[in-house]
């Protein structure tokens, strides 16, 4: 594929009036062709967490936890087949990075997100 073809693939395409009416779009709106699936912004990632005796994180991805800023628990959708039961911690690592980690009680795994 030439650079001109790649550039054409990334430019927004304007739909014809008939196509906009079928799609329910208003006049003058721009349509962007789908080039693949986009990942969620700040999606949770599996984390390696060592804990204290009370379950609070001691290390996150092999970095020492300097401070646990906040802790909370989320229990939701308990009436469905896909319940949520998580214990969250907002921590500051020794590097100064703020990270939000949580223990998914259903999956029995730890995950991290940028705070």
PDB file of N, CA and C in Angstrom:
ATOM      1  N   UNK A   1       0.851  -1.176   0.000  1.00  0.00           N
ATOM      2  CA  UNK A   1       0.000   0.000   0.000  1.00  0.00           C
ATOM      3  C   UNK A   1       0.896   1.239   0.000  1.00  0.00           C
ATOM      4  N   UNK A   2       0.630   2.164  -0.893  1.00  0.00           N
ATOM      5  CA  UNK A   2       1.434   3.376  -0.983  1.00  0.00           C
ATOM      6  C   UNK A   2       1.063   4.339   0.135  1.00  0.00           C
ATOM      7  N   UNK A   3       1.928   5.343   0.357  1.00  0.00           N
ATOM      8  CA  UNK A   3       1.641   6.329   1.411  1.00  0.00           C
ATOM      9  C   UNK A   3       0.384   7.127   1.073  1.00  0.00           C
ATOM     10  N   UNK A   4       0.129   7.338  -0.204  1.00  0.00           N
ATOM     11  CA  UNK A   4      -1.080   8.067  -0.611  1.00  0.00           C
ATOM     12  C   UNK A   4      -2.338   7.262  -0.287  1.00  0.00           C
ATOM     13  N   UNK A   5      -2.290   5.920  -0.489  1.00  0.00           N
ATOM     14  CA  UNK A   5      -3.432   5.075  -0.160  1.00  0.00           C
ATOM     15  C   UNK A   5      -3.660   5.041   1.348  1.00  0.00           C
ATOM     16  N   UNK A   6      -2.560   4.953   2.134  1.00  0.00           N
ATOM     17  CA  UNK A   6      -2.700   4.967   3.590  1.00  0.00           C
ATOM     18  C   UNK A   6      -3.300   6.278   4.051  1.00  0.00           C
ATOM     19  N   UNK A   7      -2.868   7.396   3.463  1.00  0.00           N
ATOM     20  CA  UNK A   7      -3.404   8.702   3.834  1.00  0.00           C
ATOM     21  C   UNK A   7      -4.899   8.778   3.504  1.00  0.00           C
ATOM     22  N   UNK A   8      -5.296   8.217   2.371  1.00  0.00           N
ATOM     23  CA  UNK A   8      -6.704   8.229   1.981  1.00  0.00           C
ATOM     24  C   UNK A   8      -7.540   7.404   2.945  1.00  0.00           C
ATOM     25  N   UNK A   9      -6.958   6.325   3.503  1.00  0.00           N
ATOM     26  CA  UNK A   9      -7.699   5.485   4.442  1.00  0.00           C
ATOM     27  C   UNK A   9      -7.974   6.196   5.753  1.00  0.00           C
ATOM     28  N   UNK A  10      -7.130   7.153   6.152  1.00  0.00           N
ATOM     29  CA  UNK A  10      -7.289   7.809   7.443  1.00  0.00           C
ATOM     30  C   UNK A  10      -8.076   9.108   7.365  1.00  0.00           C
ATOM     31  N   UNK A  11      -8.294   9.644   6.145  1.00  0.00           N
ATOM     32  CA  UNK A  11      -9.063  10.877   6.005  1.00  0.00           C
ATOM     33  C   UNK A  11     -10.544  10.612   6.208  1.00  0.00           C
ATOM     34  N   UNK A  12     -11.252  11.554   6.849  1.00  0.00           N
ATOM     35  CA  UNK A  12     -12.689  11.362   7.009  1.00  0.00           C
ATOM     36  C   UNK A  12     -13.381  11.354   5.664  1.00  0.00           C
ATOM     37  N   UNK A  13     -14.387  10.510   5.522  1.00  0.00           N
ATOM     38  CA  UNK A  13     -15.160  10.438   4.284  1.00  0.00           C
ATOM     39  C   UNK A  13     -16.517  11.087   4.523  1.00  0.00           C
ATOM     40  N   UNK A  14     -16.934  11.946   3.588  1.00  0.00           N
ATOM     41  CA  UNK A  14     -18.236  12.585   3.705  1.00  0.00           C
ATOM     42  C   UNK A  14     -19.258  11.704   3.013  1.00  0.00           C
ATOM     43  N   UNK A  15     -20.333  11.406   3.702  1.00  0.00           N
ATOM     44  CA  UNK A  15     -21.381  10.567   3.141  1.00  0.00           C
ATOM     45  C   UNK A  15     -22.261  11.367   2.194  1.00  0.00           C
ATOM     46  N   UNK A  16     -22.842  10.655   1.241  1.00  0.00           N
ATOM     47  CA  UNK A  16     -23.809  11.308   0.360  1.00  0.00           C
ATOM     48  C   UNK A  16     -25.070  11.581   1.169  1.00  0.00           C
ATOM     49  N   UNK A  17     -25.927  12.436   0.630  1.00  0.00           N
ATOM     50  CA  UNK A  17     -27.167  12.773   1.333  1.00  0.00           C
ATOM     51  C   UNK A  17     -28.003  11.523   1.602  1.00  0.00           C
ATOM     52  N   UNK A  18     -28.106  10.628   0.629  1.00  0.00           N
ATOM     53  CA  UNK A  18     -28.892   9.396   0.792  1.00  0.00           C
ATOM     54  C   UNK A  18     -28.294   8.521   1.888  1.00  0.00           C
ATOM     55  N   UNK A  19     -26.969   8.432   1.912  1.00  0.00           N
ATOM     56  CA  UNK A  19     -26.316   7.615   2.949  1.00  0.00           C
ATOM     57  C   UNK A  19     -26.534   8.220   4.335  1.00  0.00           C
ATOM     58  N   UNK A  20     -26.491   9.558   4.435  1.00  0.00           N
ATOM     59  CA  UNK A  20     -26.724  10.217   5.728  1.00  0.00           C
ATOM     60  C   UNK A  20     -28.154   9.981   6.199  1.00  0.00           C
ATOM     61  N   UNK A  21     -29.104  10.061   5.265  1.00  0.00           N
ATOM     62  CA  UNK A  21     -30.503   9.848   5.637  1.00  0.00           C
ATOM     63  C   UNK A  21     -30.731   8.419   6.112  1.00  0.00           C
ATOM     64  N   UNK A  22     -30.091   7.451   5.430  1.00  0.00           N
ATOM     65  CA  UNK A  22     -30.221   6.056   5.865  1.00  0.00           C
ATOM     66  C   UNK A  22     -29.576   5.849   7.230  1.00  0.00           C
ATOM     67  N   UNK A  23     -28.455   6.517   7.473  1.00  0.00           N
ATOM     68  CA  UNK A  23     -27.739   6.362   8.742  1.00  0.00           C
ATOM     69  C   UNK A  23     -28.317   7.245   9.836  1.00  0.00           C
ATOM     70  N   UNK A  24     -29.209   8.177   9.471  1.00  0.00           N
ATOM     71  CA  UNK A  24     -29.807   9.057  10.466  1.00  0.00           C
ATOM     72  C   UNK A  24     -28.910  10.218  10.848  1.00  0.00           C
ATOM     73  N   UNK A  25     -27.865  10.478  10.085  1.00  0.00           N
ATOM     74  CA  UNK A  25     -26.952  11.579  10.397  1.00  0.00           C
ATOM     75  C   UNK A  25     -27.497  12.876   9.847  1.00  0.00           C
ATOM     76  N   UNK A  26     -27.177  13.978  10.514  1.00  0.00           N
ATOM     77  CA  UNK A  26     -27.600  15.286  10.047  1.00  0.00           C
ATOM     78  C   UNK A  26     -26.750  15.765   8.888  1.00  0.00           C
ATOM     79  N   UNK A  27     -27.215  16.774   8.191  1.00  0.00           N
ATOM     80  CA  UNK A  27     -26.469  17.305   7.058  1.00  0.00           C
ATOM     81  C   UNK A  27     -25.147  17.903   7.519  1.00  0.00           C
ATOM     82  N   UNK A  28     -24.116  17.682   6.724  1.00  0.00           N
ATOM     83  CA  UNK A  28     -22.818  18.267   7.005  1.00  0.00           C
ATOM     84  C   UNK A  28     -21.996  17.491   8.025  1.00  0.00           C
ATOM     85  N   UNK A  29     -22.519  16.390   8.545  1.00  0.00           N
ATOM     86  CA  UNK A  29     -21.735  15.601   9.492  1.00  0.00           C
ATOM     87  C   UNK A  29     -20.696  14.794   8.738  1.00  0.00           C
ATOM     88  N   UNK A  30     -19.591  14.516   9.396  1.00  0.00           N
ATOM     89  CA  UNK A  30     -18.504  13.771   8.790  1.00  0.00           C
ATOM     90  C   UNK A  30     -18.484  12.367   9.365  1.00  0.00           C
ATOM     91  N   UNK A  31     -18.254  11.417   8.516  1.00  0.00           N
ATOM     92  CA  UNK A  31     -18.184  10.022   8.914  1.00  0.00           C
ATOM     93  C   UNK A  31     -16.738   9.581   8.860  1.00  0.00           C
ATOM     94  N   UNK A  32     -16.263   8.910   9.910  1.00  0.00           N
ATOM     95  CA  UNK A  32     -14.903   8.401   9.950  1.00  0.00           C
ATOM     96  C   UNK A  32     -14.941   6.897   9.758  1.00  0.00           C
ATOM     97  N   UNK A  33     -14.267   6.386   8.730  1.00  0.00           N
ATOM     98  CA  UNK A  33     -14.315   4.945   8.498  1.00  0.00           C
ATOM     99  C   UNK A  33     -13.677   4.189   9.646  1.00  0.00           C
ATOM    100  N   UNK A  34     -14.210   3.034   9.954  1.00  0.00           N
ATOM    101  CA  UNK A  34     -13.695   2.209  11.039  1.00  0.00           C
ATOM    102  C   UNK A  34     -12.434   1.495  10.555  1.00  0.00           C
ATOM    103  N   UNK A  35     -11.333   1.670  11.262  1.00  0.00           N
ATOM    104  CA  UNK A  35     -10.076   1.059  10.848  1.00  0.00           C
ATOM    105  C   UNK A  35      -9.671  -0.071  11.772  1.00  0.00           C
ATOM    106  N   UNK A  36     -10.463  -0.402  12.746  1.00  0.00           N
ATOM    107  CA  UNK A  36     -10.151  -1.458  13.698  1.00  0.00           C
ATOM    108  C   UNK A  36     -10.832  -1.148  15.009  1.00  0.00           C
ATOM    109  N   UNK A  37     -10.665  -2.015  15.967  1.00  0.00           N
ATOM    110  CA  UNK A  37     -11.291  -1.778  17.255  1.00  0.00           C
ATOM    111  C   UNK A  37     -10.394  -0.902  18.105  1.00  0.00           C
ATOM    112  N   UNK A  38     -10.974   0.076  18.724  1.00  0.00           N
ATOM    113  CA  UNK A  38     -10.223   0.973  19.597  1.00  0.00           C
ATOM    114  C   UNK A  38     -10.299   0.435  21.019  1.00  0.00           C
ATOM    115  N   UNK A  39      -9.195   0.511  21.740  1.00  0.00           N
ATOM    116  CA  UNK A  39      -9.192   0.078  23.128  1.00  0.00           C
ATOM    117  C   UNK A  39      -9.824   1.129  24.022  1.00  0.00           C
ATOM    118  N   UNK A  40     -10.287   0.687  25.175  1.00  0.00           N
ATOM    119  CA  UNK A  40     -10.867   1.625  26.126  1.00  0.00           C
ATOM    120  C   UNK A  40      -9.766   2.464  26.744  1.00  0.00           C
ATOM    121  N   UNK A  41     -10.065   3.710  26.961  1.00  0.00           N
ATOM    122  CA  UNK A  41      -9.125   4.604  27.597  1.00  0.00           C
ATOM    123  C   UNK A  41      -8.999   4.229  29.066  1.00  0.00           C
ATOM    124  N   UNK A  42      -7.777   4.072  29.538  1.00  0.00           N
ATOM    125  CA  UNK A  42      -7.491   3.735  30.938  1.00  0.00           C
ATOM    126  C   UNK A  42      -8.143   2.415  31.352  1.00  0.00           C
ATOM    127  N   UNK A  43      -8.107   1.428  30.460  1.00  0.00           N
ATOM    128  CA  UNK A  43      -8.677   0.121  30.768  1.00  0.00           C
ATOM    129  C   UNK A  43      -7.848  -0.572  31.844  1.00  0.00           C
ATOM    130  N   UNK A  44      -8.474  -1.347  32.719  1.00  0.00           N
ATOM    131  CA  UNK A  44      -7.731  -2.071  33.753  1.00  0.00           C
ATOM    132  C   UNK A  44      -6.748  -3.068  33.134  1.00  0.00           C
ATOM    133  N   UNK A  45      -5.600  -3.212  33.788  1.00  0.00           N
ATOM    134  CA  UNK A  45      -4.585  -4.163  33.363  1.00  0.00           C
ATOM    135  C   UNK A  45      -4.276  -5.094  34.542  1.00  0.00           C
ATOM    136  N   UNK A  46      -3.990  -6.360  34.287  1.00  0.00           N
ATOM    137  CA  UNK A  46      -3.609  -7.248  35.390  1.00  0.00           C
ATOM    138  C   UNK A  46      -2.388  -6.680  36.121  1.00  0.00           C
ATOM    139  N   UNK A  47      -2.363  -6.838  37.445  1.00  0.00           N
ATOM    140  CA  UNK A  47      -1.273  -6.289  38.252  1.00  0.00           C
ATOM    141  C   UNK A  47      -0.723  -7.364  39.179  1.00  0.00           C
ATOM    142  N   UNK A  48       0.556  -7.249  39.470  1.00  0.00           N
ATOM    143  CA  UNK A  48       1.219  -8.106  40.440  1.00  0.00           C
ATOM    144  C   UNK A  48       1.253  -7.337  41.759  1.00  0.00           C
ATOM    145  N   UNK A  49       0.494  -7.804  42.740  1.00  0.00           N
ATOM    146  CA  UNK A  49       0.358  -7.080  44.010  1.00  0.00           C
ATOM    147  C   UNK A  49       0.697  -8.009  45.163  1.00  0.00           C
ATOM    148  N   UNK A  50       1.562  -7.530  46.053  1.00  0.00           N
ATOM    149  CA  UNK A  50       1.813  -8.211  47.325  1.00  0.00           C
ATOM    150  C   UNK A  50       1.099  -7.390  48.392  1.00  0.00           C
ATOM    151  N   UNK A  51       0.475  -8.075  49.349  1.00  0.00           N
ATOM    152  CA  UNK A  51      -0.356  -7.375  50.332  1.00  0.00           C
ATOM    153  C   UNK A  51       0.186  -7.497  51.744  1.00  0.00           C
ATOM    154  N   UNK A  52      -0.284  -6.581  52.583  1.00  0.00           N
ATOM    155  CA  UNK A  52      -0.053  -6.646  54.023  1.00  0.00           C
ATOM    156  C   UNK A  52      -1.031  -7.664  54.606  1.00  0.00           C
ATOM    157  N   UNK A  53      -0.951  -7.906  55.899  1.00  0.00           N
ATOM    158  CA  UNK A  53      -1.842  -8.870  56.544  1.00  0.00           C
ATOM    159  C   UNK A  53      -3.310  -8.484  56.441  1.00  0.00           C
ATOM    160  N   UNK A  54      -3.609  -7.173  56.330  1.00  0.00           N
ATOM    161  CA  UNK A  54      -5.001  -6.709  56.249  1.00  0.00           C
ATOM    162  C   UNK A  54      -5.529  -6.622  54.821  1.00  0.00           C
ATOM    163  N   UNK A  55      -4.719  -7.011  53.836  1.00  0.00           N
ATOM    164  CA  UNK A  55      -5.144  -6.989  52.444  1.00  0.00           C
ATOM    165  C   UNK A  55      -4.756  -5.744  51.682  1.00  0.00           C
ATOM    166  N   UNK A  56      -4.184  -4.738  52.355  1.00  0.00           N
ATOM    167  CA  UNK A  56      -3.746  -3.517  51.679  1.00  0.00           C
ATOM    168  C   UNK A  56      -2.472  -3.814  50.875  1.00  0.00           C
ATOM    169  N   UNK A  57      -2.303  -3.194  49.709  1.00  0.00           N
ATOM    170  CA  UNK A  57      -1.128  -3.458  48.884  1.00  0.00           C
ATOM    171  C   UNK A  57       0.177  -2.990  49.538  1.00  0.00           C
ATOM    172  N   UNK A  58       1.197  -3.834  49.489  1.00  0.00           N
ATOM    173  CA  UNK A  58       2.544  -3.496  49.952  1.00  0.00           C
ATOM    174  C   UNK A  58       3.425  -3.136  48.746  1.00  0.00           C
ATOM    175  N   UNK A  59       3.293  -3.916  47.665  1.00  0.00           N
ATOM    176  CA  UNK A  59       3.983  -3.626  46.412  1.00  0.00           C
ATOM    177  C   UNK A  59       2.991  -3.759  45.265  1.00  0.00           C
ATOM    178  N   UNK A  60       3.201  -2.952  44.217  1.00  0.00           N
ATOM    179  CA  UNK A  60       2.399  -3.016  42.997  1.00  0.00           C
ATOM    180  C   UNK A  60       3.376  -3.107  41.837  1.00  0.00           C
ATOM    181  N   UNK A  61       3.291  -4.202  41.089  1.00  0.00           N
ATOM    182  CA  UNK A  61       4.203  -4.444  39.969  1.00  0.00           C
ATOM    183  C   UNK A  61       5.666  -4.250  40.388  1.00  0.00           C
ATOM    184  N   UNK A  62       6.001  -4.823  41.538  1.00  0.00           N
ATOM    185  CA  UNK A  62       7.352  -4.842  42.117  1.00  0.00           C
ATOM    186  C   UNK A  62       7.855  -3.467  42.562  1.00  0.00           C
ATOM    187  N   UNK A  63       6.965  -2.499  42.705  1.00  0.00           N
ATOM    188  CA  UNK A  63       7.327  -1.183  43.238  1.00  0.00           C
ATOM    189  C   UNK A  63       6.692  -1.021  44.609  1.00  0.00           C
ATOM    190  N   UNK A  64       7.479  -0.543  45.571  1.00  0.00           N
ATOM    191  CA  UNK A  64       6.987  -0.352  46.934  1.00  0.00           C
ATOM    192  C   UNK A  64       5.890   0.701  46.977  1.00  0.00           C
ATOM    193  N   UNK A  65       4.887   0.460  47.804  1.00  0.00           N
ATOM    194  CA  UNK A  65       3.817   1.426  48.037  1.00  0.00           C
ATOM    195  C   UNK A  65       4.287   2.361  49.148  1.00  0.00           C
ATOM    196  N   UNK A  66       4.340   3.651  48.855  1.00  0.00           N
ATOM    197  CA  UNK A  66       4.754   4.640  49.851  1.00  0.00           C
ATOM    198  C   UNK A  66       3.578   5.075  50.717  1.00  0.00           C
ATOM    199  N   UNK A  67       2.382   5.134  50.125  1.00  0.00           N
ATOM    200  CA  UNK A  67       1.220   5.649  50.835  1.00  0.00           C
ATOM    201  C   UNK A  67      -0.060   5.087  50.229  1.00  0.00           C
ATOM    202  N   UNK A  68      -0.973   4.660  51.077  1.00  0.00           N
ATOM    203  CA  UNK A  68      -2.328   4.305  50.637  1.00  0.00           C
ATOM    204  C   UNK A  68      -3.174   5.541  50.897  1.00  0.00           C
ATOM    205  N   UNK A  69      -3.598   6.207  49.819  1.00  0.00           N
ATOM    206  CA  UNK A  69      -4.338   7.464  49.963  1.00  0.00           C
ATOM    207  C   UNK A  69      -5.805   7.234  50.283  1.00  0.00           C
ATOM    208  N   UNK A  70      -6.382   6.195  49.690  1.00  0.00           N
ATOM    209  CA  UNK A  70      -7.810   5.976  49.871  1.00  0.00           C
ATOM    210  C   UNK A  70      -8.126   4.505  49.626  1.00  0.00           C
ATOM    211  N   UNK A  71      -9.184   4.049  50.245  1.00  0.00           N
ATOM    212  CA  UNK A  71      -9.649   2.675  50.061  1.00  0.00           C
ATOM    213  C   UNK A  71     -11.177   2.698  50.021  1.00  0.00           C
ATOM    214  N   UNK A  72     -11.759   1.914  49.106  1.00  0.00           N
ATOM    215  CA  UNK A  72     -13.214   1.805  49.056  1.00  0.00           C
ATOM    216  C   UNK A  72     -13.598   0.464  48.437  1.00  0.00           C
ATOM    217  N   UNK A  73     -14.845   0.107  48.587  1.00  0.00           N
ATOM    218  CA  UNK A  73     -15.340  -1.170  48.081  1.00  0.00           C
ATOM    219  C   UNK A  73     -16.567  -0.925  47.220  1.00  0.00           C
ATOM    220  N   UNK A  74     -16.661  -1.675  46.123  1.00  0.00           N
ATOM    221  CA  UNK A  74     -17.806  -1.599  45.220  1.00  0.00           C
ATOM    222  C   UNK A  74     -18.436  -2.985  45.134  1.00  0.00           C
ATOM    223  N   UNK A  75     -19.698  -3.063  45.501  1.00  0.00           N
ATOM    224  CA  UNK A  75     -20.484  -4.288  45.337  1.00  0.00           C
ATOM    225  C   UNK A  75     -21.712  -3.876  44.535  1.00  0.00           C
ATOM    226  N   UNK A  76     -21.837  -4.436  43.328  1.00  0.00           N
ATOM    227  CA  UNK A  76     -22.916  -4.027  42.431  1.00  0.00           C
ATOM    228  C   UNK A  76     -23.330  -5.213  41.574  1.00  0.00           C
ATOM    229  N   UNK A  77     -24.460  -5.088  40.955  1.00  0.00           N
ATOM    230  CA  UNK A  77     -25.028  -6.105  40.061  1.00  0.00           C
ATOM    231  C   UNK A  77     -25.089  -7.481  40.719  1.00  0.00           C
ATOM    232  N   UNK A  78     -25.273  -7.532  42.013  1.00  0.00           N
ATOM    233  CA  UNK A  78     -25.332  -8.797  42.736  1.00  0.00           C
ATOM    234  C   UNK A  78     -26.536  -9.623  42.326  1.00  0.00           C
ATOM    235  N   UNK A  79     -27.521  -8.988  41.710  1.00  0.00           N
ATOM    236  CA  UNK A  79     -28.732  -9.680  41.292  1.00  0.00           C
ATOM    237  C   UNK A  79     -28.596 -10.281  39.894  1.00  0.00           C
ATOM    238  N   UNK A  80     -27.447 -10.066  39.214  1.00  0.00           N
ATOM    239  CA  UNK A  80     -27.253 -10.571  37.854  1.00  0.00           C
ATOM    240  C   UNK A  80     -26.317 -11.777  37.856  1.00  0.00           C
ATOM    241  N   UNK A  81     -26.092 -12.321  36.669  1.00  0.00           N
ATOM    242  CA  UNK A  81     -25.145 -13.427  36.514  1.00  0.00           C
ATOM    243  C   UNK A  81     -23.701 -12.934  36.470  1.00  0.00           C
ATOM    244  N   UNK A  82     -23.491 -11.618  36.403  1.00  0.00           N
ATOM    245  CA  UNK A  82     -22.152 -11.038  36.329  1.00  0.00           C
ATOM    246  C   UNK A  82     -21.986  -9.985  37.429  1.00  0.00           C
ATOM    247  N   UNK A  83     -21.945 -10.412  38.718  1.00  0.00           N
ATOM    248  CA  UNK A  83     -21.844  -9.435  39.806  1.00  0.00           C
ATOM    249  C   UNK A  83     -20.462  -8.783  39.867  1.00  0.00           C
ATOM    250  N   UNK A  84     -20.396  -7.619  40.511  1.00  0.00           N
ATOM    251  CA  UNK A  84     -19.137  -6.899  40.712  1.00  0.00           C
ATOM    252  C   UNK A  84     -18.887  -6.819  42.215  1.00  0.00           C
ATOM    253  N   UNK A  85     -17.712  -7.281  42.629  1.00  0.00           N
ATOM    254  CA  UNK A  85     -17.301  -7.198  44.032  1.00  0.00           C
ATOM    255  C   UNK A  85     -15.812  -6.874  44.032  1.00  0.00           C
ATOM    256  N   UNK A  86     -15.491  -5.599  44.262  1.00  0.00           N
ATOM    257  CA  UNK A  86     -14.102  -5.135  44.161  1.00  0.00           C
ATOM    258  C   UNK A  86     -13.710  -4.299  45.369  1.00  0.00           C
ATOM    259  N   UNK A  87     -12.467  -4.443  45.778  1.00  0.00           N
ATOM    260  CA  UNK A  87     -11.886  -3.618  46.839  1.00  0.00           C
ATOM    261  C   UNK A  87     -10.795  -2.772  46.184  1.00  0.00           C
ATOM    262  N   UNK A  88     -11.010  -1.457  46.159  1.00  0.00           N
ATOM    263  CA  UNK A  88     -10.121  -0.510  45.490  1.00  0.00           C
ATOM    264  C   UNK A  88      -9.163   0.144  46.481  1.00  0.00           C
ATOM    265  N   UNK A  89      -7.959   0.480  45.976  1.00  0.00           N
ATOM    266  CA  UNK A  89      -6.965   1.236  46.733  1.00  0.00           C
ATOM    267  C   UNK A  89      -6.338   2.259  45.793  1.00  0.00           C
ATOM    268  N   UNK A  90      -6.317   3.512  46.224  1.00  0.00           N
ATOM    269  CA  UNK A  90      -5.549   4.528  45.505  1.00  0.00           C
ATOM    270  C   UNK A  90      -4.241   4.669  46.260  1.00  0.00           C
ATOM    271  N   UNK A  91      -3.128   4.369  45.577  1.00  0.00           N
ATOM    272  CA  UNK A  91      -1.829   4.344  46.248  1.00  0.00           C
ATOM    273  C   UNK A  91      -0.843   5.257  45.537  1.00  0.00           C
ATOM    274  N   UNK A  92       0.180   5.662  46.291  1.00  0.00           N
ATOM    275  CA  UNK A  92       1.314   6.392  45.742  1.00  0.00           C
ATOM    276  C   UNK A  92       2.515   5.463  45.865  1.00  0.00           C
ATOM    277  N   UNK A  93       3.178   5.211  44.744  1.00  0.00           N
ATOM    278  CA  UNK A  93       4.355   4.357  44.749  1.00  0.00           C
ATOM    279  C   UNK A  93       5.584   5.163  45.133  1.00  0.00           C
ATOM    280  N   UNK A  94       6.679   4.475  45.483  1.00  0.00           N
ATOM    281  CA  UNK A  94       7.904   5.185  45.857  1.00  0.00           C
ATOM    282  C   UNK A  94       8.420   6.084  44.739  1.00  0.00           C
ATOM    283  N   UNK A  95       8.096   5.758  43.491  1.00  0.00           N
ATOM    284  CA  UNK A  95       8.504   6.583  42.349  1.00  0.00           C
ATOM    285  C   UNK A  95       7.694   7.877  42.260  1.00  0.00           C
ATOM    286  N   UNK A  96       6.619   7.996  43.071  1.00  0.00           N
ATOM    287  CA  UNK A  96       5.746   9.164  43.032  1.00  0.00           C
ATOM    288  C   UNK A  96       4.527   8.983  42.158  1.00  0.00           C
ATOM    289  N   UNK A  97       4.446   7.870  41.462  1.00  0.00           N
ATOM    290  CA  UNK A  97       3.322   7.603  40.565  1.00  0.00           C
ATOM    291  C   UNK A  97       2.071   7.263  41.367  1.00  0.00           C
ATOM    292  N   UNK A  98       0.943   7.859  40.994  1.00  0.00           N
ATOM    293  CA  UNK A  98      -0.351   7.522  41.584  1.00  0.00           C
ATOM    294  C   UNK A  98      -0.971   6.389  40.776  1.00  0.00           C
ATOM    295  N   UNK A  99      -1.435   5.366  41.469  1.00  0.00           N
ATOM    296  CA  UNK A  99      -2.027   4.214  40.802  1.00  0.00           C
ATOM    297  C   UNK A  99      -3.262   3.793  41.579  1.00  0.00           C
ATOM    298  N   UNK A 100      -4.276   3.378  40.841  1.00  0.00           N
ATOM    299  CA  UNK A 100      -5.467   2.808  41.455  1.00  0.00           C
ATOM    300  C   UNK A 100      -5.427   1.304  41.175  1.00  0.00           C
ATOM    301  N   UNK A 101      -5.426   0.490  42.239  1.00  0.00           N
ATOM    302  CA  UNK A 101      -5.449  -0.959  42.086  1.00  0.00           C
ATOM    303  C   UNK A 101      -6.714  -1.489  42.750  1.00  0.00           C
ATOM    304  N   UNK A 102      -7.187  -2.602  42.237  1.00  0.00           N
ATOM    305  CA  UNK A 102      -8.333  -3.224  42.893  1.00  0.00           C
ATOM    306  C   UNK A 102      -8.224  -4.735  42.826  1.00  0.00           C
ATOM    307  N   UNK A 103      -8.796  -5.338  43.831  1.00  0.00           N
ATOM    308  CA  UNK A 103      -8.879  -6.798  43.904  1.00  0.00           C
ATOM    309  C   UNK A 103     -10.292  -7.181  43.501  1.00  0.00           C
ATOM    310  N   UNK A 104     -10.404  -7.911  42.403  1.00  0.00           N
ATOM    311  CA  UNK A 104     -11.695  -8.417  41.957  1.00  0.00           C
ATOM    312  C   UNK A 104     -11.957  -9.698  42.738  1.00  0.00           C
ATOM    313  N   UNK A 105     -12.913  -9.647  43.663  1.00  0.00           N
ATOM    314  CA  UNK A 105     -13.181 -10.779  44.538  1.00  0.00           C
ATOM    315  C   UNK A 105     -13.758 -11.962  43.768  1.00  0.00           C
ATOM    316  N   UNK A 106     -14.508 -11.688  42.690  1.00  0.00           N
ATOM    317  CA  UNK A 106     -15.086 -12.767  41.892  1.00  0.00           C
ATOM    318  C   UNK A 106     -13.995 -13.516  41.128  1.00  0.00           C
ATOM    319  N   UNK A 107     -13.090 -12.759  40.486  1.00  0.00           N
ATOM    320  CA  UNK A 107     -12.009 -13.364  39.681  1.00  0.00           C
ATOM    321  C   UNK A 107     -10.807 -13.733  40.549  1.00  0.00           C
ATOM    322  N   UNK A 108     -10.770 -13.202  41.787  1.00  0.00           N
ATOM    323  CA  UNK A 108      -9.648 -13.407  42.709  1.00  0.00           C
ATOM    324  C   UNK A 108      -8.323 -12.988  42.082  1.00  0.00           C
ATOM    325  N   UNK A 109      -8.359 -11.799  41.442  1.00  0.00           N
ATOM    326  CA  UNK A 109      -7.197 -11.246  40.764  1.00  0.00           C
ATOM    327  C   UNK A 109      -7.076  -9.756  41.049  1.00  0.00           C
ATOM    328  N   UNK A 110      -5.862  -9.227  40.871  1.00  0.00           N
ATOM    329  CA  UNK A 110      -5.592  -7.803  41.041  1.00  0.00           C
ATOM    330  C   UNK A 110      -5.476  -7.137  39.677  1.00  0.00           C
ATOM    331  N   UNK A 111      -5.953  -5.876  39.603  1.00  0.00           N
ATOM    332  CA  UNK A 111      -5.869  -5.081  38.388  1.00  0.00           C
ATOM    333  C   UNK A 111      -5.428  -3.674  38.756  1.00  0.00           C
ATOM    334  N   UNK A 112      -4.823  -2.964  37.796  1.00  0.00           N
ATOM    335  CA  UNK A 112      -4.391  -1.585  38.044  1.00  0.00           C
ATOM    336  C   UNK A 112      -4.911  -0.662  36.954  1.00  0.00           C
ATOM    337  N   UNK A 113      -5.074   0.604  37.349  1.00  0.00           N
ATOM    338  CA  UNK A 113      -5.442   1.681  36.424  1.00  0.00           C
ATOM    339  C   UNK A 113      -4.666   2.907  36.869  1.00  0.00           C
ATOM    340  N   UNK A 114      -4.376   3.800  35.933  1.00  0.00           N
ATOM    341  CA  UNK A 114      -3.765   5.068  36.320  1.00  0.00           C
ATOM    342  C   UNK A 114      -4.785   5.887  37.081  1.00  0.00           C
ATOM    343  N   UNK A 115      -4.335   6.519  38.145  1.00  0.00           N
ATOM    344  CA  UNK A 115      -5.252   7.310  38.978  1.00  0.00           C
ATOM    345  C   UNK A 115      -5.552   8.642  38.339  1.00  0.00           C
TER     346      UNK A 115
END
